[in-house]
Amino acid sequence: MSNPQEVKAEVGGSVWKIEVTVGQAVAEGDTLLIIESMKMEIPLASPAAGTVLEIRVAETDMVDEDQVVVLIG
């Protein structure tokens, strides 16, 4: 894929757990990471199949809604 797909946080909160690593192949719907928001754990799913090119956050980082957190290629 020549244009990487940006995966954005659906909600603001804290990155509770990162489920993937750079270079890992993912399928559409696979959980990439989990965001904790208002005491709820919200999984962020891959919108498409591909390879994780970049993870732009670390566990415990605070993220804003619509912030790019992962690139899939």
PDB file of N, CA and C in Angstrom:
ATOM      1  N   MET A   1       0.849  -1.177   0.000  1.00  0.00           N
ATOM      2  CA  MET A   1       0.000   0.000   0.000  1.00  0.00           C
ATOM      3  C   MET A   1       0.889   1.233   0.000  1.00  0.00           C
ATOM      4  N   SER A   2       0.737   2.083  -0.984  1.00  0.00           N
ATOM      5  CA  SER A   2       1.618   3.240  -1.093  1.00  0.00           C
ATOM      6  C   SER A   2       1.252   4.343  -0.095  1.00  0.00           C
ATOM      7  N   ASN A   3      -0.016   4.474   0.219  1.00  0.00           N
ATOM      8  CA  ASN A   3      -0.446   5.477   1.190  1.00  0.00           C
ATOM      9  C   ASN A   3      -0.855   4.795   2.483  1.00  0.00           C
ATOM     10  N   PRO A   4      -0.082   4.989   3.547  1.00  0.00           N
ATOM     11  CA  PRO A   4      -0.447   4.358   4.817  1.00  0.00           C
ATOM     12  C   PRO A   4      -1.794   4.896   5.309  1.00  0.00           C
ATOM     13  N   GLN A   5      -2.524   4.036   5.978  1.00  0.00           N
ATOM     14  CA  GLN A   5      -3.812   4.426   6.545  1.00  0.00           C
ATOM     15  C   GLN A   5      -3.607   4.859   7.985  1.00  0.00           C
ATOM     16  N   GLU A   6      -4.105   6.051   8.316  1.00  0.00           N
ATOM     17  CA  GLU A   6      -4.009   6.559   9.671  1.00  0.00           C
ATOM     18  C   GLU A   6      -5.157   5.997  10.497  1.00  0.00           C
ATOM     19  N   VAL A   7      -4.830   5.457  11.656  1.00  0.00           N
ATOM     20  CA  VAL A   7      -5.849   4.980  12.581  1.00  0.00           C
ATOM     21  C   VAL A   7      -5.911   5.987  13.720  1.00  0.00           C
ATOM     22  N   LYS A   8      -7.110   6.527  13.937  1.00  0.00           N
ATOM     23  CA  LYS A   8      -7.280   7.585  14.932  1.00  0.00           C
ATOM     24  C   LYS A   8      -8.034   7.078  16.150  1.00  0.00           C
ATOM     25  N   ALA A   9      -7.709   7.661  17.292  1.00  0.00           N
ATOM     26  CA  ALA A   9      -8.418   7.333  18.528  1.00  0.00           C
ATOM     27  C   ALA A   9      -9.871   7.791  18.396  1.00  0.00           C
ATOM     28  N   GLU A  10     -10.780   6.931  18.791  1.00  0.00           N
ATOM     29  CA  GLU A  10     -12.206   7.262  18.707  1.00  0.00           C
ATOM     30  C   GLU A  10     -12.660   8.088  19.902  1.00  0.00           C
ATOM     31  N   VAL A  11     -11.899   8.015  20.980  1.00  0.00           N
ATOM     32  CA  VAL A  11     -12.211   8.763  22.203  1.00  0.00           C
ATOM     33  C   VAL A  11     -10.913   9.266  22.813  1.00  0.00           C
ATOM     34  N   GLY A  12     -11.021  10.264  23.646  1.00  0.00           N
ATOM     35  CA  GLY A  12      -9.871  10.717  24.413  1.00  0.00           C
ATOM     36  C   GLY A  12      -9.722   9.856  25.652  1.00  0.00           C
ATOM     37  N   GLY A  13      -8.492   9.684  26.099  1.00  0.00           N
ATOM     38  CA  GLY A  13      -8.252   8.894  27.306  1.00  0.00           C
ATOM     39  C   GLY A  13      -6.799   8.501  27.411  1.00  0.00           C
ATOM     40  N   SER A  14      -6.550   7.450  28.153  1.00  0.00           N
ATOM     41  CA  SER A  14      -5.203   6.953  28.394  1.00  0.00           C
ATOM     42  C   SER A  14      -5.004   5.636  27.646  1.00  0.00           C
ATOM     43  N   VAL A  15      -3.840   5.479  27.013  1.00  0.00           N
ATOM     44  CA  VAL A  15      -3.543   4.211  26.341  1.00  0.00           C
ATOM     45  C   VAL A  15      -3.296   3.175  27.432  1.00  0.00           C
ATOM     46  N   TRP A  16      -4.209   2.216  27.552  1.00  0.00           N
ATOM     47  CA  TRP A  16      -4.134   1.217  28.608  1.00  0.00           C
ATOM     48  C   TRP A  16      -3.221   0.069  28.202  1.00  0.00           C
ATOM     49  N   LYS A  17      -3.376  -0.401  26.946  1.00  0.00           N
ATOM     50  CA  LYS A  17      -2.562  -1.527  26.505  1.00  0.00           C
ATOM     51  C   LYS A  17      -2.407  -1.491  24.992  1.00  0.00           C
ATOM     52  N   ILE A  18      -1.190  -1.729  24.509  1.00  0.00           N
ATOM     53  CA  ILE A  18      -0.929  -1.840  23.080  1.00  0.00           C
ATOM     54  C   ILE A  18      -0.860  -3.326  22.742  1.00  0.00           C
ATOM     55  N   GLU A  19      -1.675  -3.742  21.787  1.00  0.00           N
ATOM     56  CA  GLU A  19      -1.827  -5.169  21.464  1.00  0.00           C
ATOM     57  C   GLU A  19      -0.977  -5.617  20.276  1.00  0.00           C
ATOM     58  N   VAL A  20      -0.345  -4.681  19.560  1.00  0.00           N
ATOM     59  CA  VAL A  20       0.403  -5.027  18.348  1.00  0.00           C
ATOM     60  C   VAL A  20       1.820  -4.460  18.422  1.00  0.00           C
ATOM     61  N   THR A  21       2.667  -4.894  17.478  1.00  0.00           N
ATOM     62  CA  THR A  21       4.023  -4.374  17.370  1.00  0.00           C
ATOM     63  C   THR A  21       4.263  -3.920  15.938  1.00  0.00           C
ATOM     64  N   VAL A  22       5.235  -3.044  15.754  1.00  0.00           N
ATOM     65  CA  VAL A  22       5.601  -2.593  14.412  1.00  0.00           C
ATOM     66  C   VAL A  22       6.063  -3.800  13.601  1.00  0.00           C
ATOM     67  N   GLY A  23       5.559  -3.891  12.370  1.00  0.00           N
ATOM     68  CA  GLY A  23       5.902  -5.002  11.499  1.00  0.00           C
ATOM     69  C   GLY A  23       4.909  -6.150  11.549  1.00  0.00           C
ATOM     70  N   GLN A  24       4.002  -6.119  12.502  1.00  0.00           N
ATOM     71  CA  GLN A  24       3.021  -7.197  12.658  1.00  0.00           C
ATOM     72  C   GLN A  24       1.923  -7.075  11.607  1.00  0.00           C
ATOM     73  N   ALA A  25       1.540  -8.196  11.032  1.00  0.00           N
ATOM     74  CA  ALA A  25       0.407  -8.238  10.101  1.00  0.00           C
ATOM     75  C   ALA A  25      -0.878  -8.253  10.914  1.00  0.00           C
ATOM     76  N   VAL A  26      -1.861  -7.465  10.483  1.00  0.00           N
ATOM     77  CA  VAL A  26      -3.159  -7.427  11.153  1.00  0.00           C
ATOM     78  C   VAL A  26      -4.271  -7.610  10.130  1.00  0.00           C
ATOM     79  N   ALA A  27      -5.372  -8.142  10.596  1.00  0.00           N
ATOM     80  CA  ALA A  27      -6.560  -8.293   9.765  1.00  0.00           C
ATOM     81  C   ALA A  27      -7.550  -7.195  10.131  1.00  0.00           C
ATOM     82  N   GLU A  28      -8.454  -6.904   9.223  1.00  0.00           N
ATOM     83  CA  GLU A  28      -9.507  -5.937   9.531  1.00  0.00           C
ATOM     84  C   GLU A  28     -10.250  -6.405  10.776  1.00  0.00           C
ATOM     85  N   GLY A  29     -10.424  -5.508  11.731  1.00  0.00           N
ATOM     86  CA  GLY A  29     -11.127  -5.837  12.968  1.00  0.00           C
ATOM     87  C   GLY A  29     -10.242  -6.256  14.119  1.00  0.00           C
ATOM     88  N   ASP A  30      -8.956  -6.541  13.854  1.00  0.00           N
ATOM     89  CA  ASP A  30      -8.037  -6.894  14.946  1.00  0.00           C
ATOM     90  C   ASP A  30      -7.876  -5.711  15.900  1.00  0.00           C
ATOM     91  N   THR A  31      -7.771  -5.997  17.177  1.00  0.00           N
ATOM     92  CA  THR A  31      -7.549  -4.944  18.173  1.00  0.00           C
ATOM     93  C   THR A  31      -6.101  -4.469  18.105  1.00  0.00           C
ATOM     94  N   LEU A  32      -5.927  -3.155  17.939  1.00  0.00           N
ATOM     95  CA  LEU A  32      -4.593  -2.559  17.881  1.00  0.00           C
ATOM     96  C   LEU A  32      -4.141  -2.111  19.267  1.00  0.00           C
ATOM     97  N   LEU A  33      -5.030  -1.443  19.969  1.00  0.00           N
ATOM     98  CA  LEU A  33      -4.726  -0.995  21.313  1.00  0.00           C
ATOM     99  C   LEU A  33      -6.022  -0.766  22.064  1.00  0.00           C
ATOM    100  N   ILE A  34      -5.901  -0.560  23.363  1.00  0.00           N
ATOM    101  CA  ILE A  34      -7.067  -0.339  24.216  1.00  0.00           C
ATOM    102  C   ILE A  34      -6.878   0.997  24.926  1.00  0.00           C
ATOM    103  N   ILE A  35      -7.911   1.833  24.830  1.00  0.00           N
ATOM    104  CA  ILE A  35      -7.899   3.141  25.471  1.00  0.00           C
ATOM    105  C   ILE A  35      -8.827   3.090  26.677  1.00  0.00           C
ATOM    106  N   GLU A  36      -8.347   3.591  27.802  1.00  0.00           N
ATOM    107  CA  GLU A  36      -9.186   3.697  28.986  1.00  0.00           C
ATOM    108  C   GLU A  36      -9.752   5.098  29.039  1.00  0.00           C
ATOM    109  N   SER A  37     -11.071   5.175  29.064  1.00  0.00           N
ATOM    110  CA  SER A  37     -11.748   6.468  29.109  1.00  0.00           C
ATOM    111  C   SER A  37     -12.938   6.346  30.046  1.00  0.00           C
ATOM    112  N   MET A  38     -13.010   7.199  31.029  1.00  0.00           N
ATOM    113  CA  MET A  38     -14.110   7.197  32.005  1.00  0.00           C
ATOM    114  C   MET A  38     -14.308   5.811  32.624  1.00  0.00           C
ATOM    115  N   LYS A  39     -13.201   5.167  33.004  1.00  0.00           N
ATOM    116  CA  LYS A  39     -13.186   3.856  33.663  1.00  0.00           C
ATOM    117  C   LYS A  39     -13.673   2.728  32.753  1.00  0.00           C
ATOM    118  N   MET A  40     -13.750   2.980  31.439  1.00  0.00           N
ATOM    119  CA  MET A  40     -14.133   1.944  30.479  1.00  0.00           C
ATOM    120  C   MET A  40     -12.938   1.638  29.597  1.00  0.00           C
ATOM    121  N   GLU A  41     -12.792   0.371  29.219  1.00  0.00           N
ATOM    122  CA  GLU A  41     -11.722  -0.029  28.309  1.00  0.00           C
ATOM    123  C   GLU A  41     -12.311  -0.137  26.905  1.00  0.00           C
ATOM    124  N   ILE A  42     -11.810   0.688  25.992  1.00  0.00           N
ATOM    125  CA  ILE A  42     -12.369   0.777  24.651  1.00  0.00           C
ATOM    126  C   ILE A  42     -11.332   0.291  23.641  1.00  0.00           C
ATOM    127  N   PRO A  43     -11.590  -0.865  22.993  1.00  0.00           N
ATOM    128  CA  PRO A  43     -10.643  -1.370  22.001  1.00  0.00           C
ATOM    129  C   PRO A  43     -10.693  -0.553  20.720  1.00  0.00           C
ATOM    130  N   LEU A  44      -9.530  -0.344  20.119  1.00  0.00           N
ATOM    131  CA  LEU A  44      -9.427   0.345  18.828  1.00  0.00           C
ATOM    132  C   LEU A  44      -9.061  -0.708  17.793  1.00  0.00           C
ATOM    133  N   ALA A  45      -9.969  -0.940  16.849  1.00  0.00           N
ATOM    134  CA  ALA A  45      -9.800  -2.005  15.863  1.00  0.00           C
ATOM    135  C   ALA A  45      -9.167  -1.491  14.585  1.00  0.00           C
ATOM    136  N   SER A  46      -8.452  -2.368  13.910  1.00  0.00           N
ATOM    137  CA  SER A  46      -7.859  -2.040  12.616  1.00  0.00           C
ATOM    138  C   SER A  46      -8.968  -1.889  11.575  1.00  0.00           C
ATOM    139  N   PRO A  47      -8.959  -0.787  10.810  1.00  0.00           N
ATOM    140  CA  PRO A  47      -9.992  -0.579   9.796  1.00  0.00           C
ATOM    141  C   PRO A  47      -9.766  -1.408   8.536  1.00  0.00           C
ATOM    142  N   ALA A  48      -8.576  -1.984   8.402  1.00  0.00           N
ATOM    143  CA  ALA A  48      -8.245  -2.750   7.193  1.00  0.00           C
ATOM    144  C   ALA A  48      -7.125  -3.730   7.510  1.00  0.00           C
ATOM    145  N   ALA A  49      -6.968  -4.720   6.634  1.00  0.00           N
ATOM    146  CA  ALA A  49      -5.843  -5.645   6.757  1.00  0.00           C
ATOM    147  C   ALA A  49      -4.579  -4.941   6.279  1.00  0.00           C
ATOM    148  N   GLY A  50      -3.449  -5.296   6.866  1.00  0.00           N
ATOM    149  CA  GLY A  50      -2.178  -4.705   6.463  1.00  0.00           C
ATOM    150  C   GLY A  50      -1.099  -5.002   7.477  1.00  0.00           C
ATOM    151  N   THR A  51      -0.077  -4.163   7.451  1.00  0.00           N
ATOM    152  CA  THR A  51       1.054  -4.295   8.361  1.00  0.00           C
ATOM    153  C   THR A  51       1.154  -3.036   9.199  1.00  0.00           C
ATOM    154  N   VAL A  52       1.432  -3.195  10.495  1.00  0.00           N
ATOM    155  CA  VAL A  52       1.623  -2.052  11.380  1.00  0.00           C
ATOM    156  C   VAL A  52       2.942  -1.380  10.998  1.00  0.00           C
ATOM    157  N   LEU A  53       2.863  -0.156  10.498  1.00  0.00           N
ATOM    158  CA  LEU A  53       4.055   0.580  10.084  1.00  0.00           C
ATOM    159  C   LEU A  53       4.633   1.429  11.214  1.00  0.00           C
ATOM    160  N   GLU A  54       3.753   1.964  12.043  1.00  0.00           N
ATOM    161  CA  GLU A  54       4.209   2.880  13.092  1.00  0.00           C
ATOM    162  C   GLU A  54       3.177   2.906  14.210  1.00  0.00           C
ATOM    163  N   ILE A  55       3.661   2.945  15.443  1.00  0.00           N
ATOM    164  CA  ILE A  55       2.807   3.148  16.613  1.00  0.00           C
ATOM    165  C   ILE A  55       3.255   4.469  17.220  1.00  0.00           C
ATOM    166  N   ARG A  56       2.352   5.433  17.262  1.00  0.00           N
ATOM    167  CA  ARG A  56       2.724   6.788  17.656  1.00  0.00           C
ATOM    168  C   ARG A  56       2.457   7.099  19.126  1.00  0.00           C
ATOM    169  N   VAL A  57       2.087   6.097  19.896  1.00  0.00           N
ATOM    170  CA  VAL A  57       1.822   6.295  21.319  1.00  0.00           C
ATOM    171  C   VAL A  57       2.486   5.181  22.113  1.00  0.00           C
ATOM    172  N   ALA A  58       2.566   5.379  23.403  1.00  0.00           N
ATOM    173  CA  ALA A  58       3.075   4.356  24.323  1.00  0.00           C
ATOM    174  C   ALA A  58       2.021   4.120  25.394  1.00  0.00           C
ATOM    175  N   GLU A  59       2.118   2.975  26.058  1.00  0.00           N
ATOM    176  CA  GLU A  59       1.183   2.709  27.144  1.00  0.00           C
ATOM    177  C   GLU A  59       1.298   3.806  28.192  1.00  0.00           C
ATOM    178  N   THR A  60       0.178   4.216  28.720  1.00  0.00           N
ATOM    179  CA  THR A  60      -0.038   5.294  29.707  1.00  0.00           C
ATOM    180  C   THR A  60      -0.082   6.688  29.072  1.00  0.00           C
ATOM    181  N   ASP A  61       0.227   6.827  27.775  1.00  0.00           N
ATOM    182  CA  ASP A  61       0.103   8.142  27.120  1.00  0.00           C
ATOM    183  C   ASP A  61      -1.353   8.580  27.117  1.00  0.00           C
ATOM    184  N   MET A  62      -1.567   9.875  27.224  1.00  0.00           N
ATOM    185  CA  MET A  62      -2.900  10.444  27.061  1.00  0.00           C
ATOM    186  C   MET A  62      -3.090  10.745  25.573  1.00  0.00           C
ATOM    187  N   VAL A  63      -4.269  10.426  25.055  1.00  0.00           N
ATOM    188  CA  VAL A  63      -4.581  10.705  23.650  1.00  0.00           C
ATOM    189  C   VAL A  63      -5.867  11.513  23.568  1.00  0.00           C
ATOM    190  N   ASP A  64      -5.975  12.279  22.499  1.00  0.00           N
ATOM    191  CA  ASP A  64      -7.174  13.059  22.236  1.00  0.00           C
ATOM    192  C   ASP A  64      -8.013  12.345  21.187  1.00  0.00           C
ATOM    193  N   GLU A  65      -9.307  12.609  21.182  1.00  0.00           N
ATOM    194  CA  GLU A  65     -10.176  12.071  20.143  1.00  0.00           C
ATOM    195  C   GLU A  65      -9.653  12.529  18.783  1.00  0.00           C
ATOM    196  N   ASP A  66      -9.622  11.637  17.817  1.00  0.00           N
ATOM    197  CA  ASP A  66      -9.152  11.876  16.449  1.00  0.00           C
ATOM    198  C   ASP A  66      -7.640  12.026  16.322  1.00  0.00           C
ATOM    199  N   GLN A  67      -6.884  11.739  17.384  1.00  0.00           N
ATOM    200  CA  GLN A  67      -5.422  11.753  17.298  1.00  0.00           C
ATOM    201  C   GLN A  67      -4.961  10.491  16.575  1.00  0.00           C
ATOM    202  N   VAL A  68      -4.024  10.644  15.628  1.00  0.00           N
ATOM    203  CA  VAL A  68      -3.478   9.487  14.907  1.00  0.00           C
ATOM    204  C   VAL A  68      -2.587   8.713  15.878  1.00  0.00           C
ATOM    205  N   VAL A  69      -2.897   7.412  16.060  1.00  0.00           N
ATOM    206  CA  VAL A  69      -2.151   6.600  17.017  1.00  0.00           C
ATOM    207  C   VAL A  69      -1.371   5.465  16.340  1.00  0.00           C
ATOM    208  N   VAL A  70      -1.837   5.006  15.165  1.00  0.00           N
ATOM    209  CA  VAL A  70      -1.194   3.902  14.476  1.00  0.00           C
ATOM    210  C   VAL A  70      -1.277   4.146  12.970  1.00  0.00           C
ATOM    211  N   LEU A  71      -0.223   3.713  12.240  1.00  0.00           N
ATOM    212  CA  LEU A  71      -0.255   3.729  10.780  1.00  0.00           C
ATOM    213  C   LEU A  71      -0.241   2.284  10.291  1.00  0.00           C
ATOM    214  N   ILE A  72      -1.164   1.973   9.374  1.00  0.00           N
ATOM    215  CA  ILE A  72      -1.267   0.638   8.775  1.00  0.00           C
ATOM    216  C   ILE A  72      -0.942   0.767   7.291  1.00  0.00           C
ATOM    217  N   GLY A  73      -0.100  -0.123   6.788  1.00  0.00           N
ATOM    218  CA  GLY A  73       0.255  -0.064   5.374  1.00  0.00           C
ATOM    219  C   GLY A  73      -0.025  -1.366   4.676  1.00  0.00           C
TER     220      GLY A  73
END
